[in-house]
């Protein structure tokens, strides 16, 4: 980690991506390896690895104090719901991250997850937020993930988390033209659901929860159609 910290100082344009507090066993192991540390994140900070170009996957078991450090040092986190659900790691607290103004994007983590489809990941993000209600005596205080907010985290939010929002993440003129064309009638169930949607938000929600690779009609990279 000392070497990684030195490389980040020598090459400030380089990104760092690693895991943070994915499960309780991992948190305990880090404490055993670094008994002097205040937290998992404190180890990374000690070695100079918490920077504006640092992107921490999972961040499931992170305290408010550490979220505040991430915000102060302009680091980002990756919400990886499919991986966390599949491995039983825990339920990421998106509201906690947002309350502390930590830049947050969505990640597939397909090594531990189950799909490379960002639509599937968005569905997983909603499910994780809903599941958190089952583990509290005040479920009414946990806000369901808004479909437009979910879409933002998967697009411009992710670009901002990577400090690439000046290049990608939206249709603003001058940005790279990387985008997909979605077909909300790609299968019968989704077709019925979207045709009966009363608002754009309702239709987007249906695509997030029921969409998959078949829903992607076309893909454009730098303005060129590749699918």
Protein backbone atom coordinates (compact mmCIF):
# COMPACT_ATOMS: atom_id res chain seq x y z
CA UNK A 1 0.00 0.00 0.00
CA UNK A 2 2.95 2.31 0.53
CA UNK A 3 3.91 1.72 -3.10
CA UNK A 4 0.34 2.37 -4.24
CA UNK A 5 0.29 5.62 -2.29
CA UNK A 6 3.57 6.70 -3.85
CA UNK A 7 2.25 5.91 -7.33
CA UNK A 8 -0.84 8.03 -6.70
CA UNK A 9 1.35 10.95 -5.67
CA UNK A 10 3.66 10.53 -8.67
CA UNK A 11 0.83 10.03 -11.18
CA UNK A 12 -2.11 12.21 -10.07
CA UNK A 13 -4.14 11.31 -13.18
CA UNK A 14 -4.32 7.65 -12.11
CA UNK A 15 -7.47 6.22 -10.48
CA UNK A 16 -7.47 3.90 -7.49
CA UNK A 17 -10.25 1.33 -7.20
CA UNK A 18 -10.43 -1.08 -4.26
CA UNK A 19 -12.86 -2.59 -1.75
CA UNK A 20 -13.99 -1.07 1.53
CA UNK A 21 -15.90 -2.75 4.38
CA UNK A 22 -17.69 -5.30 2.20
CA UNK A 23 -18.55 -7.68 5.07
CA UNK A 24 -17.99 -7.95 8.81
CA UNK A 25 -15.39 -10.74 8.47
CA UNK A 26 -13.31 -8.52 6.22
CA UNK A 27 -13.63 -5.59 8.62
CA UNK A 28 -12.44 -7.76 11.52
CA UNK A 29 -9.53 -9.14 9.48
CA UNK A 30 -8.32 -5.64 8.59
CA UNK A 31 -8.45 -4.70 12.28
CA UNK A 32 -6.31 -7.76 13.06
CA UNK A 33 -3.78 -6.82 10.38
CA UNK A 34 -3.66 -3.14 11.42
CA UNK A 35 -4.52 -3.00 15.15
CA UNK A 36 -3.47 0.65 15.34
CA UNK A 37 -6.14 1.73 12.86
CA UNK A 38 -9.33 3.53 13.85
CA UNK A 39 -11.28 1.88 11.02
CA UNK A 40 -10.94 0.07 7.69
CA UNK A 41 -10.88 3.43 5.89
CA UNK A 42 -8.26 4.75 8.30
CA UNK A 43 -5.80 2.17 6.92
CA UNK A 44 -6.24 3.52 3.40
CA UNK A 45 -5.97 7.10 4.61
CA UNK A 46 -2.77 6.28 6.53
CA UNK A 47 -1.14 5.14 3.28
CA UNK A 48 -2.37 8.10 1.24
CA UNK A 49 -4.97 6.15 -0.71
CA UNK A 50 -8.04 8.28 0.01
CA UNK A 51 -7.99 10.84 -2.80
CA UNK A 52 -10.39 12.50 -5.29
CA UNK A 53 -9.43 9.73 -7.73
CA UNK A 54 -10.16 6.92 -5.23
CA UNK A 55 -13.25 4.77 -5.78
CA UNK A 56 -14.24 2.35 -3.00
CA UNK A 57 -16.47 -0.59 -3.92
CA UNK A 58 -19.15 -1.89 -1.53
CA UNK A 59 -18.68 0.37 1.54
CA UNK A 60 -21.47 -1.57 3.24
CA UNK A 61 -20.26 -1.31 6.86
CA UNK A 62 -19.03 2.28 7.01
CA UNK A 63 -19.65 4.71 9.87
CA UNK A 64 -20.90 8.28 9.53
CA UNK A 65 -17.45 9.46 10.59
CA UNK A 66 -15.80 7.58 7.73
CA UNK A 67 -18.42 8.74 5.23
CA UNK A 68 -17.58 12.28 6.32
CA UNK A 69 -13.89 11.59 5.66
CA UNK A 70 -14.73 10.26 2.19
CA UNK A 71 -16.72 13.43 1.50
CA UNK A 72 -14.03 15.75 2.85
CA UNK A 73 -11.33 14.08 0.74
CA UNK A 74 -13.67 13.92 -2.30
CA UNK A 75 -13.45 10.14 -2.68
CA UNK A 76 -16.28 8.04 -4.09
CA UNK A 77 -18.06 4.76 -3.40
CA UNK A 78 -19.55 2.10 -5.66
CA UNK A 79 -22.89 0.62 -4.65
CA UNK A 80 -22.74 -3.05 -5.76
CA UNK A 81 -26.17 -4.47 -4.84
CA UNK A 82 -26.10 -7.73 -6.84
CA UNK A 83 -22.76 -8.76 -5.37
CA UNK A 84 -23.77 -7.82 -1.83
CA UNK A 85 -27.03 -9.76 -2.11
CA UNK A 86 -25.43 -12.83 -3.70
CA UNK A 87 -22.63 -13.04 -1.15
CA UNK A 88 -24.77 -12.01 1.82
CA UNK A 89 -22.38 -9.15 2.62
CA UNK A 90 -24.97 -6.71 3.90
CA UNK A 91 -27.20 -3.88 2.69
CA UNK A 92 -25.55 -0.67 1.53
CA UNK A 93 -27.03 2.42 3.15
CA UNK A 94 -27.50 4.79 0.22
CA UNK A 95 -29.23 7.39 2.37
CA UNK A 96 -26.25 7.47 4.74
CA UNK A 97 -23.89 8.01 1.82
CA UNK A 98 -26.07 10.77 0.39
CA UNK A 99 -26.58 12.45 3.77
CA UNK A 100 -22.82 12.78 4.03
CA UNK A 101 -22.61 14.02 0.41
CA UNK A 102 -20.37 11.20 -0.76
CA UNK A 103 -20.23 10.75 -4.53
CA UNK A 104 -21.90 7.42 -5.30
CA UNK A 105 -22.17 5.30 -8.44
CA UNK A 106 -23.49 1.84 -9.25
CA UNK A 107 -21.19 -1.13 -9.86
CA UNK A 108 -21.78 -4.63 -11.20
CA UNK A 109 -18.83 -6.28 -9.40
CA UNK A 110 -19.50 -9.24 -11.65
CA UNK A 111 -16.77 -11.24 -9.89
CA UNK A 112 -19.14 -11.53 -6.95
CA UNK A 113 -22.32 -10.34 -8.64
CA UNK A 114 -24.64 -12.03 -11.09
CA UNK A 115 -24.95 -9.72 -14.09
CA UNK A 116 -23.11 -7.14 -16.17
CA UNK A 117 -26.43 -5.47 -17.02
CA UNK A 118 -26.76 -2.07 -15.38
CA UNK A 119 -30.53 -2.47 -15.62
CA UNK A 120 -30.27 -5.54 -13.40
CA UNK A 121 -28.02 -3.60 -11.04
CA UNK A 122 -30.59 -0.81 -10.78
CA UNK A 123 -33.23 -3.39 -9.90
CA UNK A 124 -30.88 -4.75 -7.24
CA UNK A 125 -30.29 -1.25 -5.85
CA UNK A 126 -34.02 -0.79 -5.34
CA UNK A 127 -34.32 -4.21 -3.68
CA UNK A 128 -31.46 -3.50 -1.27
CA UNK A 129 -33.07 -0.25 -0.18
CA UNK A 130 -36.40 -2.01 0.36
CA UNK A 131 -34.77 -4.84 2.31
CA UNK A 132 -33.28 -2.37 4.78
CA UNK A 133 -36.84 -1.77 5.98
CA UNK A 134 -36.99 -5.34 7.30
CA UNK A 135 -34.08 -4.72 9.69
CA UNK A 136 -35.38 -1.70 11.56
CA UNK A 137 -38.22 -0.97 13.96
CA UNK A 138 -38.99 2.22 12.02
CA UNK A 139 -39.27 1.12 8.36
CA UNK A 140 -41.32 4.20 7.55
CA UNK A 141 -38.18 6.29 8.00
CA UNK A 142 -36.39 4.49 5.15
CA UNK A 143 -37.21 6.11 1.84
CA UNK A 144 -37.72 3.88 -1.19
CA UNK A 145 -35.22 4.50 -3.97
CA UNK A 146 -36.80 6.89 -6.47
CA UNK A 147 -36.58 5.54 -10.05
CA UNK A 148 -35.16 8.77 -11.45
CA UNK A 149 -32.58 8.93 -8.67
CA UNK A 150 -31.67 5.31 -9.42
CA UNK A 151 -31.21 6.21 -13.09
CA UNK A 152 -29.02 9.14 -12.12
CA UNK A 153 -26.73 7.00 -9.95
CA UNK A 154 -26.27 4.61 -12.87
CA UNK A 155 -25.39 7.39 -15.33
CA UNK A 156 -24.31 10.91 -14.41
CA UNK A 157 -23.85 9.97 -10.75
CA UNK A 158 -21.37 7.28 -11.73
CA UNK A 159 -19.58 9.68 -14.06
CA UNK A 160 -19.26 12.23 -11.25
CA UNK A 161 -18.02 9.55 -8.88
CA UNK A 162 -15.22 8.86 -11.35
CA UNK A 163 -14.58 12.58 -11.98
CA UNK A 164 -15.51 11.97 -15.60
CA UNK A 165 -18.75 13.94 -15.73
CA UNK A 166 -17.08 16.49 -18.02
CA UNK A 167 -16.69 13.70 -20.59
CA UNK A 168 -19.55 11.22 -20.09
CA UNK A 169 -22.76 10.70 -18.13
CA UNK A 170 -25.27 12.94 -19.94
CA UNK A 171 -26.27 14.31 -23.34
CA UNK A 172 -24.69 17.71 -22.73
CA UNK A 173 -23.18 19.07 -25.99
CA UNK A 174 -19.46 18.42 -26.24
CA UNK A 175 -19.43 15.17 -24.27
CA UNK A 176 -18.54 11.80 -25.76
CA UNK A 177 -21.55 10.23 -27.46
CA UNK A 178 -21.66 6.90 -25.62
CA UNK A 179 -25.28 5.86 -25.08
CA UNK A 180 -27.84 3.11 -25.48
CA UNK A 181 -31.28 2.97 -27.09
CA UNK A 182 -33.82 1.18 -24.90
CA UNK A 183 -36.84 -0.74 -26.18
CA UNK A 184 -39.53 -0.82 -23.45
CA UNK A 185 -41.44 -3.43 -25.46
CA UNK A 186 -38.58 -5.95 -25.66
CA UNK A 187 -40.67 -8.69 -24.01
CA UNK A 188 -44.39 -9.13 -23.33
CA UNK A 189 -44.29 -8.54 -19.57
CA UNK A 190 -42.33 -5.29 -19.86
CA UNK A 191 -44.48 -4.21 -22.81
CA UNK A 192 -47.69 -4.61 -20.79
CA UNK A 193 -46.20 -2.85 -17.76
CA UNK A 194 -44.87 0.17 -19.67
CA UNK A 195 -47.96 0.54 -21.83
CA UNK A 196 -50.02 0.88 -18.65
CA UNK A 197 -47.62 3.32 -17.01
CA UNK A 198 -49.18 6.69 -16.22
CA UNK A 199 -45.94 8.69 -16.03
CA UNK A 200 -42.36 8.78 -17.24
CA UNK A 201 -41.22 7.83 -13.73
CA UNK A 202 -43.48 4.79 -13.73
CA UNK A 203 -42.16 3.66 -17.11
CA UNK A 204 -38.54 4.16 -16.02
CA UNK A 205 -39.24 2.18 -12.85
CA UNK A 206 -40.62 -0.72 -14.91
CA UNK A 207 -37.52 -0.72 -17.13
CA UNK A 208 -35.24 -0.74 -14.07
CA UNK A 209 -37.07 -3.60 -12.39
CA UNK A 210 -37.89 -5.76 -15.42
CA UNK A 211 -35.33 -4.82 -18.06
CA UNK A 212 -32.35 -6.92 -19.09
CA UNK A 213 -29.93 -7.29 -22.01
CA UNK A 214 -32.87 -7.78 -24.40
CA UNK A 215 -34.09 -4.28 -23.51
CA UNK A 216 -30.99 -2.69 -25.05
CA UNK A 217 -31.97 -2.17 -28.68
CA UNK A 218 -28.82 -0.35 -29.84
CA UNK A 219 -25.47 0.73 -28.41
CA UNK A 220 -23.46 3.73 -29.62
CA UNK A 221 -19.80 4.34 -28.81
CA UNK A 222 -18.39 7.78 -29.66
CA UNK A 223 -21.43 8.31 -31.84
CA UNK A 224 -20.89 5.12 -33.84
CA UNK A 225 -23.51 2.37 -33.73
CA UNK A 226 -21.90 -0.89 -32.57
CA UNK A 227 -25.02 -2.96 -31.88
